């Protein structure tokens, strides 16, 4: 058992399912100390390098409209979410509630923005799910549109690095290389 803080301990166990890891959190100074909270690492997706840093990739085939993963984290008030202005993992559920998805065990946080996404976020009964918009093959990066406000606040100032925006446009001609001016030597 490892200490996360003076009040929280955790144990990492390997599940019988291939690739699954179970993290049990124990709160020893409460009456719920014997009841662990489990976070299963999903086996249908993988986190790895993408054009925008780390990204979420399909490990299996997903059919159109299939639920891929839930965006999880601490539920906080919208006011608390606004105060955490540097936290780009805040997901607005409604006018009163946000989800702070910053913990690394929230695997859905690695799904990047795209101007041409293959997924969408759907809110059902106060929970956020990432859903396939089309059939997705194993190895494809899972992306969704973060919305206009997030795009303008966090992405636009630095430039969008999604596949659509980063790919060269074949309709646009490439600028011709500048010719060097050569000095005319007196003969």
N, C-alpha and C. Protein backbone atom coordinates (compact mmCIF):
# COMPACT_ATOMS: atom_id res chain seq x y z
N UNK A 1 0.85 -1.17 0.00
CA UNK A 1 0.00 0.00 0.00
C UNK A 1 0.90 1.23 0.00
N UNK A 2 0.62 2.19 -0.91
CA UNK A 2 1.43 3.40 -1.03
C UNK A 2 0.60 4.59 -0.57
N UNK A 3 1.27 5.57 0.05
CA UNK A 3 0.57 6.76 0.53
C UNK A 3 0.47 7.78 -0.59
N UNK A 4 -0.74 8.27 -0.84
CA UNK A 4 -0.96 9.34 -1.79
C UNK A 4 -0.94 10.66 -1.03
N UNK A 5 -1.43 10.64 0.17
CA UNK A 5 -1.37 11.77 1.10
C UNK A 5 -1.47 11.16 2.49
N UNK A 6 -1.54 12.00 3.51
CA UNK A 6 -1.64 11.47 4.86
C UNK A 6 -3.00 10.80 5.12
N UNK A 7 -3.97 11.03 4.22
CA UNK A 7 -5.30 10.46 4.43
C UNK A 7 -5.71 9.45 3.36
N UNK A 8 -4.95 9.36 2.27
CA UNK A 8 -5.35 8.48 1.18
C UNK A 8 -4.22 7.53 0.82
N UNK A 9 -4.55 6.27 0.66
CA UNK A 9 -3.59 5.26 0.26
C UNK A 9 -4.12 4.56 -0.98
N UNK A 10 -3.22 4.00 -1.77
CA UNK A 10 -3.70 3.27 -2.94
C UNK A 10 -2.88 2.02 -3.17
N UNK A 11 -3.50 1.06 -3.84
CA UNK A 11 -2.87 -0.20 -4.20
C UNK A 11 -3.12 -0.40 -5.69
N UNK A 12 -2.08 -0.73 -6.43
CA UNK A 12 -2.23 -1.01 -7.86
C UNK A 12 -2.25 -2.51 -8.03
N UNK A 13 -3.28 -3.03 -8.67
CA UNK A 13 -3.42 -4.46 -8.91
C UNK A 13 -3.55 -4.68 -10.41
N UNK A 14 -3.04 -5.77 -10.89
CA UNK A 14 -3.20 -6.12 -12.29
C UNK A 14 -4.39 -7.04 -12.41
N UNK A 15 -5.30 -6.69 -13.29
CA UNK A 15 -6.51 -7.47 -13.49
C UNK A 15 -6.21 -8.71 -14.33
N UNK A 16 -7.14 -9.64 -14.33
CA UNK A 16 -7.00 -10.83 -15.17
C UNK A 16 -7.21 -10.49 -16.64
N UNK A 17 -7.95 -9.42 -16.91
CA UNK A 17 -8.13 -8.99 -18.29
C UNK A 17 -6.82 -8.41 -18.79
N UNK A 18 -6.44 -8.75 -19.98
CA UNK A 18 -5.16 -8.32 -20.54
C UNK A 18 -5.10 -6.79 -20.62
N UNK A 19 -4.06 -6.23 -20.03
CA UNK A 19 -3.83 -4.79 -20.11
C UNK A 19 -4.59 -3.96 -19.10
N UNK A 20 -5.47 -4.54 -18.31
CA UNK A 20 -6.26 -3.76 -17.37
C UNK A 20 -5.52 -3.62 -16.04
N UNK A 21 -5.57 -2.44 -15.48
CA UNK A 21 -4.97 -2.17 -14.18
C UNK A 21 -6.07 -1.60 -13.29
N UNK A 22 -6.16 -2.07 -12.08
CA UNK A 22 -7.15 -1.58 -11.14
C UNK A 22 -6.42 -0.81 -10.05
N UNK A 23 -6.86 0.41 -9.80
CA UNK A 23 -6.27 1.21 -8.73
C UNK A 23 -7.31 1.34 -7.63
N UNK A 24 -6.99 0.83 -6.45
CA UNK A 24 -7.90 0.91 -5.31
C UNK A 24 -7.44 2.03 -4.39
N UNK A 25 -8.35 2.97 -4.07
CA UNK A 25 -8.05 4.05 -3.15
C UNK A 25 -8.70 3.74 -1.81
N UNK A 26 -7.95 3.92 -0.72
CA UNK A 26 -8.45 3.67 0.62
C UNK A 26 -8.37 4.96 1.43
N UNK A 27 -9.43 5.28 2.14
CA UNK A 27 -9.47 6.45 3.00
C UNK A 27 -9.49 5.95 4.44
N UNK A 28 -8.31 5.77 5.08
CA UNK A 28 -8.25 5.09 6.37
C UNK A 28 -8.92 5.80 7.53
N UNK A 29 -9.09 7.12 7.49
CA UNK A 29 -9.65 7.82 8.64
C UNK A 29 -11.15 8.08 8.50
N UNK A 30 -11.80 7.33 7.63
CA UNK A 30 -13.24 7.47 7.49
C UNK A 30 -13.90 6.12 7.72
N UNK A 31 -15.20 6.14 7.92
CA UNK A 31 -15.89 4.87 8.11
C UNK A 31 -16.02 4.10 6.81
N UNK A 32 -15.69 4.72 5.67
CA UNK A 32 -15.74 4.04 4.38
C UNK A 32 -14.37 3.47 3.99
N UNK A 33 -13.46 3.40 4.95
CA UNK A 33 -12.09 3.01 4.62
C UNK A 33 -11.97 1.62 4.02
N UNK A 34 -12.91 0.75 4.31
CA UNK A 34 -12.81 -0.60 3.76
C UNK A 34 -13.44 -0.71 2.37
N UNK A 35 -14.00 0.40 1.87
CA UNK A 35 -14.65 0.38 0.57
C UNK A 35 -13.77 1.10 -0.45
N UNK A 36 -13.04 0.35 -1.28
CA UNK A 36 -12.17 0.99 -2.26
C UNK A 36 -12.96 1.60 -3.42
N UNK A 37 -12.40 2.67 -3.99
CA UNK A 37 -12.93 3.26 -5.21
C UNK A 37 -12.05 2.74 -6.34
N UNK A 38 -12.64 2.10 -7.35
CA UNK A 38 -11.84 1.49 -8.40
C UNK A 38 -11.88 2.33 -9.67
N UNK A 39 -10.71 2.45 -10.31
CA UNK A 39 -10.59 3.11 -11.60
C UNK A 39 -9.96 2.11 -12.55
N UNK A 40 -10.74 1.55 -13.43
CA UNK A 40 -10.22 0.59 -14.40
C UNK A 40 -9.67 1.33 -15.61
N UNK A 41 -8.47 0.99 -16.01
CA UNK A 41 -7.90 1.56 -17.22
C UNK A 41 -8.57 0.87 -18.40
N UNK A 42 -9.19 1.64 -19.30
CA UNK A 42 -9.88 1.01 -20.42
C UNK A 42 -8.92 0.29 -21.36
N UNK A 43 -9.37 -0.83 -21.91
CA UNK A 43 -8.53 -1.60 -22.81
C UNK A 43 -8.90 -1.37 -24.27
N UNK A 44 -9.96 -0.61 -24.52
CA UNK A 44 -10.39 -0.37 -25.90
C UNK A 44 -9.73 0.86 -26.52
N UNK A 45 -8.93 1.59 -25.73
CA UNK A 45 -8.21 2.77 -26.22
C UNK A 45 -6.77 2.76 -25.69
N UNK A 46 -5.91 3.52 -26.35
CA UNK A 46 -4.50 3.64 -25.94
C UNK A 46 -4.11 5.11 -25.96
N UNK A 47 -3.24 5.51 -25.05
CA UNK A 47 -2.69 6.86 -25.04
C UNK A 47 -1.29 6.77 -25.63
N UNK A 48 -1.04 7.59 -26.67
CA UNK A 48 0.29 7.62 -27.26
C UNK A 48 0.50 8.96 -27.96
N UNK A 49 1.70 9.17 -28.51
CA UNK A 49 2.05 10.43 -29.17
C UNK A 49 1.17 10.70 -30.39
N UNK A 50 0.82 11.99 -30.55
CA UNK A 50 0.06 12.42 -31.73
C UNK A 50 0.66 13.74 -32.21
N UNK A 51 0.06 14.33 -33.23
CA UNK A 51 0.57 15.59 -33.76
C UNK A 51 0.40 16.74 -32.77
N UNK A 52 -0.46 16.58 -31.78
CA UNK A 52 -0.72 17.64 -30.81
C UNK A 52 -0.23 17.26 -29.41
N UNK A 53 0.76 16.40 -29.29
CA UNK A 53 1.25 15.93 -27.99
C UNK A 53 0.79 14.51 -27.76
N UNK A 54 0.19 14.25 -26.59
CA UNK A 54 -0.38 12.93 -26.34
C UNK A 54 -1.80 12.89 -26.89
N UNK A 55 -2.20 11.74 -27.38
CA UNK A 55 -3.54 11.59 -27.94
C UNK A 55 -4.15 10.27 -27.54
N UNK A 56 -5.43 10.13 -27.78
CA UNK A 56 -6.18 8.91 -27.48
C UNK A 56 -6.44 8.19 -28.80
N UNK A 57 -6.09 6.90 -28.85
CA UNK A 57 -6.20 6.13 -30.08
C UNK A 57 -7.06 4.89 -29.86
N UNK A 58 -7.78 4.51 -30.89
CA UNK A 58 -8.63 3.31 -30.83
C UNK A 58 -7.75 2.07 -30.83
N UNK A 59 -8.03 1.15 -29.92
CA UNK A 59 -7.33 -0.14 -29.88
C UNK A 59 -8.19 -1.23 -30.51
N UNK A 60 -9.46 -0.93 -30.70
CA UNK A 60 -10.41 -1.86 -31.32
C UNK A 60 -11.26 -1.07 -32.32
N UNK A 61 -12.08 -1.79 -33.09
CA UNK A 61 -13.00 -1.12 -34.01
C UNK A 61 -14.18 -0.55 -33.22
N UNK A 62 -14.61 0.64 -33.61
CA UNK A 62 -15.82 1.23 -33.04
C UNK A 62 -16.81 1.47 -34.16
N UNK A 63 -18.07 1.14 -33.90
CA UNK A 63 -19.13 1.39 -34.87
C UNK A 63 -19.69 2.79 -34.65
N UNK A 64 -20.27 3.34 -35.69
CA UNK A 64 -20.92 4.65 -35.61
C UNK A 64 -21.93 4.66 -34.46
N UNK A 65 -21.92 5.73 -33.67
CA UNK A 65 -22.79 5.95 -32.50
C UNK A 65 -22.44 5.09 -31.29
N UNK A 66 -21.33 4.36 -31.33
CA UNK A 66 -20.92 3.52 -30.20
C UNK A 66 -20.24 4.40 -29.14
N UNK A 67 -20.56 4.14 -27.87
CA UNK A 67 -19.91 4.85 -26.78
C UNK A 67 -18.50 4.31 -26.62
N UNK A 68 -17.52 5.23 -26.61
CA UNK A 68 -16.12 4.83 -26.53
C UNK A 68 -15.61 4.90 -25.10
N UNK A 69 -15.85 6.04 -24.44
CA UNK A 69 -15.29 6.24 -23.10
C UNK A 69 -16.07 7.35 -22.41
N UNK A 70 -16.04 7.34 -21.08
CA UNK A 70 -16.68 8.40 -20.30
C UNK A 70 -15.61 9.37 -19.82
N UNK A 71 -15.92 10.67 -19.88
CA UNK A 71 -15.04 11.72 -19.37
C UNK A 71 -15.34 11.84 -17.88
N UNK A 72 -14.40 11.44 -17.03
CA UNK A 72 -14.67 11.37 -15.59
C UNK A 72 -13.75 12.32 -14.83
N UNK A 73 -14.15 12.63 -13.62
CA UNK A 73 -13.37 13.49 -12.75
C UNK A 73 -14.25 14.02 -11.63
N UNK A 74 -13.68 14.92 -10.88
CA UNK A 74 -14.40 15.51 -9.75
C UNK A 74 -15.46 16.48 -10.27
N UNK A 75 -16.68 16.34 -9.75
CA UNK A 75 -17.76 17.26 -10.12
C UNK A 75 -17.60 18.52 -9.27
N UNK A 76 -17.53 19.65 -9.94
CA UNK A 76 -17.36 20.93 -9.25
C UNK A 76 -18.40 21.92 -9.77
N UNK A 77 -18.58 23.01 -9.03
CA UNK A 77 -19.51 24.04 -9.49
C UNK A 77 -18.88 24.80 -10.66
N UNK A 78 -19.71 25.43 -11.46
CA UNK A 78 -19.20 26.22 -12.58
C UNK A 78 -18.32 27.36 -12.09
N UNK A 79 -18.66 27.90 -10.92
CA UNK A 79 -17.84 28.98 -10.35
C UNK A 79 -16.44 28.48 -10.01
N UNK A 80 -16.36 27.28 -9.41
CA UNK A 80 -15.05 26.68 -9.13
C UNK A 80 -14.29 26.42 -10.43
N UNK A 81 -14.99 25.98 -11.46
CA UNK A 81 -14.37 25.73 -12.75
C UNK A 81 -13.80 26.99 -13.37
N UNK A 82 -14.52 28.11 -13.21
CA UNK A 82 -14.04 29.39 -13.73
C UNK A 82 -12.80 29.87 -12.98
N UNK A 83 -12.72 29.54 -11.68
CA UNK A 83 -11.55 29.94 -10.89
C UNK A 83 -10.30 29.16 -11.27
N UNK A 84 -10.46 27.96 -11.80
CA UNK A 84 -9.34 27.14 -12.26
C UNK A 84 -9.04 27.48 -13.71
N UNK A 85 -8.74 28.75 -14.00
CA UNK A 85 -8.64 29.20 -15.39
C UNK A 85 -7.50 28.56 -16.17
N UNK A 86 -6.43 28.11 -15.53
CA UNK A 86 -5.33 27.48 -16.27
C UNK A 86 -5.55 25.99 -16.48
N UNK A 87 -6.62 25.46 -15.94
CA UNK A 87 -6.89 24.03 -16.09
C UNK A 87 -7.70 23.81 -17.37
N UNK A 88 -7.05 23.25 -18.38
CA UNK A 88 -7.74 23.06 -19.66
C UNK A 88 -8.54 21.76 -19.71
N UNK A 89 -8.67 21.06 -18.58
CA UNK A 89 -9.42 19.80 -18.55
C UNK A 89 -10.81 19.95 -17.92
N UNK A 90 -11.28 21.19 -17.77
CA UNK A 90 -12.61 21.43 -17.22
C UNK A 90 -13.64 21.21 -18.33
N UNK A 91 -14.62 20.35 -18.07
CA UNK A 91 -15.67 20.07 -19.05
C UNK A 91 -16.98 20.58 -18.47
N UNK A 92 -17.65 21.50 -19.16
CA UNK A 92 -18.91 22.06 -18.69
C UNK A 92 -20.05 21.09 -18.99
N UNK A 93 -20.74 20.66 -17.93
CA UNK A 93 -21.87 19.73 -18.06
C UNK A 93 -23.15 20.52 -18.28
N UNK A 94 -23.36 21.55 -17.45
CA UNK A 94 -24.52 22.43 -17.59
C UNK A 94 -24.14 23.77 -16.95
N UNK A 95 -25.10 24.67 -16.79
CA UNK A 95 -24.80 26.01 -16.28
C UNK A 95 -24.32 26.01 -14.83
N UNK A 96 -24.56 24.93 -14.10
CA UNK A 96 -24.17 24.86 -12.69
C UNK A 96 -23.01 23.93 -12.41
N UNK A 97 -22.77 22.96 -13.27
CA UNK A 97 -21.81 21.88 -12.97
C UNK A 97 -20.74 21.73 -14.04
N UNK A 98 -19.51 21.53 -13.58
CA UNK A 98 -18.37 21.21 -14.44
C UNK A 98 -17.75 19.91 -13.94
N UNK A 99 -16.96 19.28 -14.80
CA UNK A 99 -16.16 18.12 -14.39
C UNK A 99 -14.71 18.50 -14.54
N UNK A 100 -13.95 18.36 -13.44
CA UNK A 100 -12.51 18.59 -13.49
C UNK A 100 -11.86 17.27 -13.91
N UNK A 101 -11.51 17.17 -15.18
CA UNK A 101 -10.96 15.94 -15.73
C UNK A 101 -9.45 15.89 -15.71
N UNK A 102 -8.81 16.68 -14.85
CA UNK A 102 -7.34 16.76 -14.84
C UNK A 102 -6.63 15.52 -14.29
N UNK A 103 -7.22 14.68 -13.43
CA UNK A 103 -6.48 13.50 -12.97
C UNK A 103 -6.09 12.59 -14.14
N UNK A 104 -4.90 12.04 -14.07
CA UNK A 104 -4.40 11.21 -15.17
C UNK A 104 -5.20 9.94 -15.37
N UNK A 105 -5.93 9.49 -14.34
CA UNK A 105 -6.75 8.30 -14.53
C UNK A 105 -7.97 8.57 -15.38
N UNK A 106 -8.23 9.83 -15.72
CA UNK A 106 -9.30 10.17 -16.67
C UNK A 106 -8.73 10.02 -18.07
N UNK A 107 -8.75 8.83 -18.60
CA UNK A 107 -8.15 8.54 -19.90
C UNK A 107 -8.79 9.36 -21.02
N UNK A 108 -10.05 9.72 -20.88
CA UNK A 108 -10.74 10.49 -21.92
C UNK A 108 -10.12 11.87 -22.11
N UNK A 109 -9.39 12.37 -21.13
CA UNK A 109 -8.79 13.70 -21.25
C UNK A 109 -7.75 13.76 -22.37
N UNK A 110 -7.27 12.61 -22.82
CA UNK A 110 -6.26 12.58 -23.88
C UNK A 110 -6.85 12.66 -25.29
N UNK A 111 -8.17 12.67 -25.42
CA UNK A 111 -8.79 12.85 -26.74
C UNK A 111 -8.58 14.30 -27.15
N UNK A 112 -7.93 14.52 -28.28
CA UNK A 112 -7.59 15.87 -28.74
C UNK A 112 -8.73 16.50 -29.53
N UNK A 113 -8.60 17.83 -29.70
CA UNK A 113 -9.54 18.59 -30.53
C UNK A 113 -9.23 18.34 -32.00
N UNK A 114 -10.26 18.37 -32.82
CA UNK A 114 -10.08 18.36 -34.27
C UNK A 114 -11.16 19.20 -34.91
N UNK A 115 -10.79 19.90 -35.98
CA UNK A 115 -11.77 20.65 -36.76
C UNK A 115 -12.55 19.71 -37.68
N UNK A 116 -12.07 18.48 -37.83
CA UNK A 116 -12.78 17.43 -38.57
C UNK A 116 -12.76 16.17 -37.69
N UNK A 117 -13.58 16.15 -36.62
CA UNK A 117 -13.51 15.06 -35.64
C UNK A 117 -14.16 13.76 -36.12
N UNK A 118 -13.78 12.66 -35.43
CA UNK A 118 -14.43 11.38 -35.69
C UNK A 118 -15.31 10.97 -34.50
N UNK A 119 -15.34 11.81 -33.46
CA UNK A 119 -16.15 11.56 -32.26
C UNK A 119 -16.87 12.84 -31.87
N UNK A 120 -17.80 12.70 -30.94
CA UNK A 120 -18.47 13.86 -30.36
C UNK A 120 -18.70 13.60 -28.88
N UNK A 121 -18.83 14.68 -28.12
CA UNK A 121 -19.13 14.52 -26.70
C UNK A 121 -20.64 14.63 -26.53
N UNK A 122 -21.19 13.74 -25.71
CA UNK A 122 -22.63 13.70 -25.46
C UNK A 122 -22.83 13.69 -23.95
N UNK A 123 -23.75 14.52 -23.47
CA UNK A 123 -24.06 14.57 -22.04
C UNK A 123 -25.37 13.82 -21.81
N UNK A 124 -25.30 12.79 -20.96
CA UNK A 124 -26.48 11.98 -20.61
C UNK A 124 -26.58 11.92 -19.09
N UNK A 125 -27.67 12.41 -18.56
CA UNK A 125 -27.93 12.38 -17.12
C UNK A 125 -26.75 12.92 -16.32
N UNK A 126 -26.18 14.03 -16.77
CA UNK A 126 -25.09 14.68 -16.05
C UNK A 126 -23.73 14.02 -16.22
N UNK A 127 -23.64 13.03 -17.09
CA UNK A 127 -22.36 12.36 -17.36
C UNK A 127 -21.95 12.65 -18.80
N UNK A 128 -20.64 12.70 -19.05
CA UNK A 128 -20.12 13.04 -20.37
C UNK A 128 -19.52 11.79 -21.01
N UNK A 129 -19.94 11.50 -22.23
CA UNK A 129 -19.45 10.34 -22.97
C UNK A 129 -18.88 10.79 -24.30
N UNK A 130 -17.84 10.10 -24.76
CA UNK A 130 -17.27 10.33 -26.08
C UNK A 130 -17.85 9.23 -26.98
N UNK A 131 -18.52 9.64 -28.05
CA UNK A 131 -19.26 8.74 -28.94
C UNK A 131 -18.65 8.80 -30.34
N UNK A 132 -18.59 7.66 -31.02
CA UNK A 132 -18.07 7.62 -32.40
C UNK A 132 -19.10 8.24 -33.35
N UNK A 133 -18.65 9.15 -34.22
CA UNK A 133 -19.53 9.77 -35.22
C UNK A 133 -19.57 8.95 -36.51
N UNK A 134 -18.61 8.06 -36.66
CA UNK A 134 -18.52 7.20 -37.84
C UNK A 134 -17.80 5.93 -37.41
N UNK A 135 -17.68 4.96 -38.29
CA UNK A 135 -16.90 3.76 -37.98
C UNK A 135 -15.44 4.16 -37.82
N UNK A 136 -14.80 3.64 -36.79
CA UNK A 136 -13.40 3.98 -36.49
C UNK A 136 -12.59 2.70 -36.44
N UNK A 137 -11.45 2.72 -37.10
CA UNK A 137 -10.57 1.55 -37.18
C UNK A 137 -9.53 1.59 -36.06
N UNK A 138 -9.00 0.44 -35.64
CA UNK A 138 -7.91 0.42 -34.65
C UNK A 138 -6.73 1.24 -35.16
N UNK A 139 -6.13 2.01 -34.25
CA UNK A 139 -4.98 2.84 -34.61
C UNK A 139 -5.33 4.27 -34.95
N UNK A 140 -6.62 4.56 -35.20
CA UNK A 140 -7.04 5.93 -35.52
C UNK A 140 -7.06 6.76 -34.24
N UNK A 141 -6.64 8.03 -34.37
CA UNK A 141 -6.72 8.93 -33.22
C UNK A 141 -8.18 9.33 -33.01
N UNK A 142 -8.61 9.35 -31.74
CA UNK A 142 -9.97 9.72 -31.38
C UNK A 142 -9.98 11.21 -31.06
N UNK A 143 -10.78 11.97 -31.82
CA UNK A 143 -10.82 13.42 -31.65
C UNK A 143 -12.27 13.89 -31.63
N UNK A 144 -12.50 15.05 -31.00
CA UNK A 144 -13.81 15.67 -31.05
C UNK A 144 -13.63 17.18 -31.02
N UNK A 145 -14.65 17.90 -31.40
CA UNK A 145 -14.61 19.37 -31.44
C UNK A 145 -14.83 19.87 -30.01
N UNK A 146 -13.87 20.62 -29.48
CA UNK A 146 -13.96 21.11 -28.11
C UNK A 146 -14.96 22.26 -27.97
N UNK A 147 -15.42 22.82 -29.05
CA UNK A 147 -16.37 23.93 -28.99
C UNK A 147 -15.69 25.26 -29.25
N UNK A 148 -16.51 26.24 -29.62
CA UNK A 148 -16.02 27.56 -30.04
C UNK A 148 -15.29 28.30 -28.92
N UNK A 149 -15.84 28.30 -27.70
CA UNK A 149 -15.22 29.04 -26.59
C UNK A 149 -13.83 28.49 -26.27
N UNK A 150 -13.72 27.17 -26.14
CA UNK A 150 -12.43 26.55 -25.84
C UNK A 150 -11.45 26.81 -26.97
N UNK A 151 -11.92 26.67 -28.21
CA UNK A 151 -11.06 26.90 -29.37
C UNK A 151 -10.49 28.32 -29.35
N UNK A 152 -11.36 29.31 -29.12
CA UNK A 152 -10.91 30.71 -29.12
C UNK A 152 -9.98 31.04 -27.95
N UNK A 153 -10.22 30.43 -26.78
CA UNK A 153 -9.42 30.73 -25.59
C UNK A 153 -8.09 29.99 -25.54
N UNK A 154 -8.07 28.72 -25.95
CA UNK A 154 -6.88 27.90 -25.74
C UNK A 154 -6.16 27.48 -27.02
N UNK A 155 -6.87 27.28 -28.11
CA UNK A 155 -6.25 26.72 -29.32
C UNK A 155 -5.86 27.80 -30.33
N UNK A 156 -6.76 28.72 -30.61
CA UNK A 156 -6.53 29.74 -31.63
C UNK A 156 -5.27 30.59 -31.38
N UNK A 157 -5.00 31.01 -30.13
CA UNK A 157 -3.80 31.83 -29.91
C UNK A 157 -2.49 31.14 -30.30
N UNK A 158 -2.47 29.82 -30.26
CA UNK A 158 -1.23 29.08 -30.57
C UNK A 158 -1.30 28.38 -31.93
N UNK A 159 -2.46 28.36 -32.54
CA UNK A 159 -2.64 27.69 -33.82
C UNK A 159 -3.11 26.27 -33.62
N UNK A 160 -4.10 25.89 -34.40
CA UNK A 160 -4.64 24.53 -34.31
C UNK A 160 -3.66 23.54 -34.92
N UNK A 161 -3.42 22.43 -34.21
CA UNK A 161 -2.49 21.40 -34.69
C UNK A 161 -3.21 20.11 -35.06
N UNK A 162 -4.51 20.21 -35.30
CA UNK A 162 -5.25 19.00 -35.69
C UNK A 162 -4.82 18.59 -37.10
N UNK A 163 -5.16 17.37 -37.48
CA UNK A 163 -4.74 16.83 -38.78
C UNK A 163 -5.27 17.69 -39.93
N UNK A 164 -6.50 18.18 -39.81
CA UNK A 164 -7.08 19.00 -40.88
C UNK A 164 -6.31 20.30 -41.05
N UNK A 165 -5.99 20.96 -39.94
CA UNK A 165 -5.33 22.27 -40.02
C UNK A 165 -3.83 22.16 -40.27
N UNK A 166 -3.21 21.08 -39.79
CA UNK A 166 -1.76 20.92 -39.94
C UNK A 166 -1.38 20.38 -41.31
N UNK A 167 -2.30 19.71 -42.00
CA UNK A 167 -1.99 19.12 -43.31
C UNK A 167 -1.91 20.23 -44.37
N UNK A 168 -0.96 20.12 -45.29
CA UNK A 168 -0.88 21.12 -46.35
C UNK A 168 -2.10 21.02 -47.27
N UNK A 169 -2.58 22.16 -47.73
CA UNK A 169 -3.74 22.22 -48.60
C UNK A 169 -3.28 22.07 -50.04
N UNK A 170 -3.68 20.99 -50.74
CA UNK A 170 -3.21 20.79 -52.11
C UNK A 170 -3.75 21.84 -53.08
N UNK A 171 -4.88 22.49 -52.75
CA UNK A 171 -5.44 23.51 -53.63
C UNK A 171 -4.64 24.80 -53.56
N UNK A 172 -3.94 24.99 -52.46
CA UNK A 172 -3.15 26.20 -52.27
C UNK A 172 -1.76 25.99 -52.87
N UNK A 173 -1.33 26.82 -53.81
CA UNK A 173 0.01 26.63 -54.37
C UNK A 173 1.08 26.95 -53.35
N UNK A 174 2.15 26.18 -53.38
CA UNK A 174 3.26 26.43 -52.47
C UNK A 174 4.01 27.67 -52.94
N UNK A 175 4.46 28.49 -52.01
CA UNK A 175 5.22 29.67 -52.43
C UNK A 175 6.54 29.24 -53.07
N UNK A 176 6.90 29.93 -54.14
CA UNK A 176 8.16 29.58 -54.80
C UNK A 176 9.33 30.08 -53.97
N UNK A 177 10.43 29.35 -53.96
CA UNK A 177 11.57 29.78 -53.17
C UNK A 177 12.12 31.09 -53.71
N UNK A 178 12.51 31.95 -52.77
CA UNK A 178 13.05 33.26 -53.17
C UNK A 178 14.41 33.07 -53.82
N UNK A 179 14.60 33.80 -54.89
CA UNK A 179 15.90 33.75 -55.55
C UNK A 179 16.84 34.67 -54.81
N UNK A 180 18.06 34.24 -54.70
CA UNK A 180 19.07 35.08 -54.06
C UNK A 180 19.53 36.15 -55.03
N UNK A 181 19.73 37.29 -54.46
CA UNK A 181 20.29 38.35 -55.28
C UNK A 181 21.79 38.11 -55.35
N UNK A 182 22.29 38.18 -56.53
CA UNK A 182 23.73 37.98 -56.69
C UNK A 182 24.39 39.30 -57.03
N UNK A 183 25.50 39.51 -56.39
CA UNK A 183 26.25 40.74 -56.68
C UNK A 183 26.92 40.61 -58.04
N UNK A 184 26.86 41.67 -58.79
CA UNK A 184 27.54 41.67 -60.09
C UNK A 184 28.96 42.11 -59.85
N UNK A 185 29.86 41.24 -60.19
CA UNK A 185 31.26 41.58 -59.97
C UNK A 185 31.80 42.35 -61.18
N UNK A 186 32.55 43.40 -60.90
CA UNK A 186 33.11 44.15 -62.02
C UNK A 186 34.12 43.30 -62.77
N UNK A 187 34.11 43.35 -64.09
CA UNK A 187 35.05 42.56 -64.85
C UNK A 187 36.10 43.41 -65.49
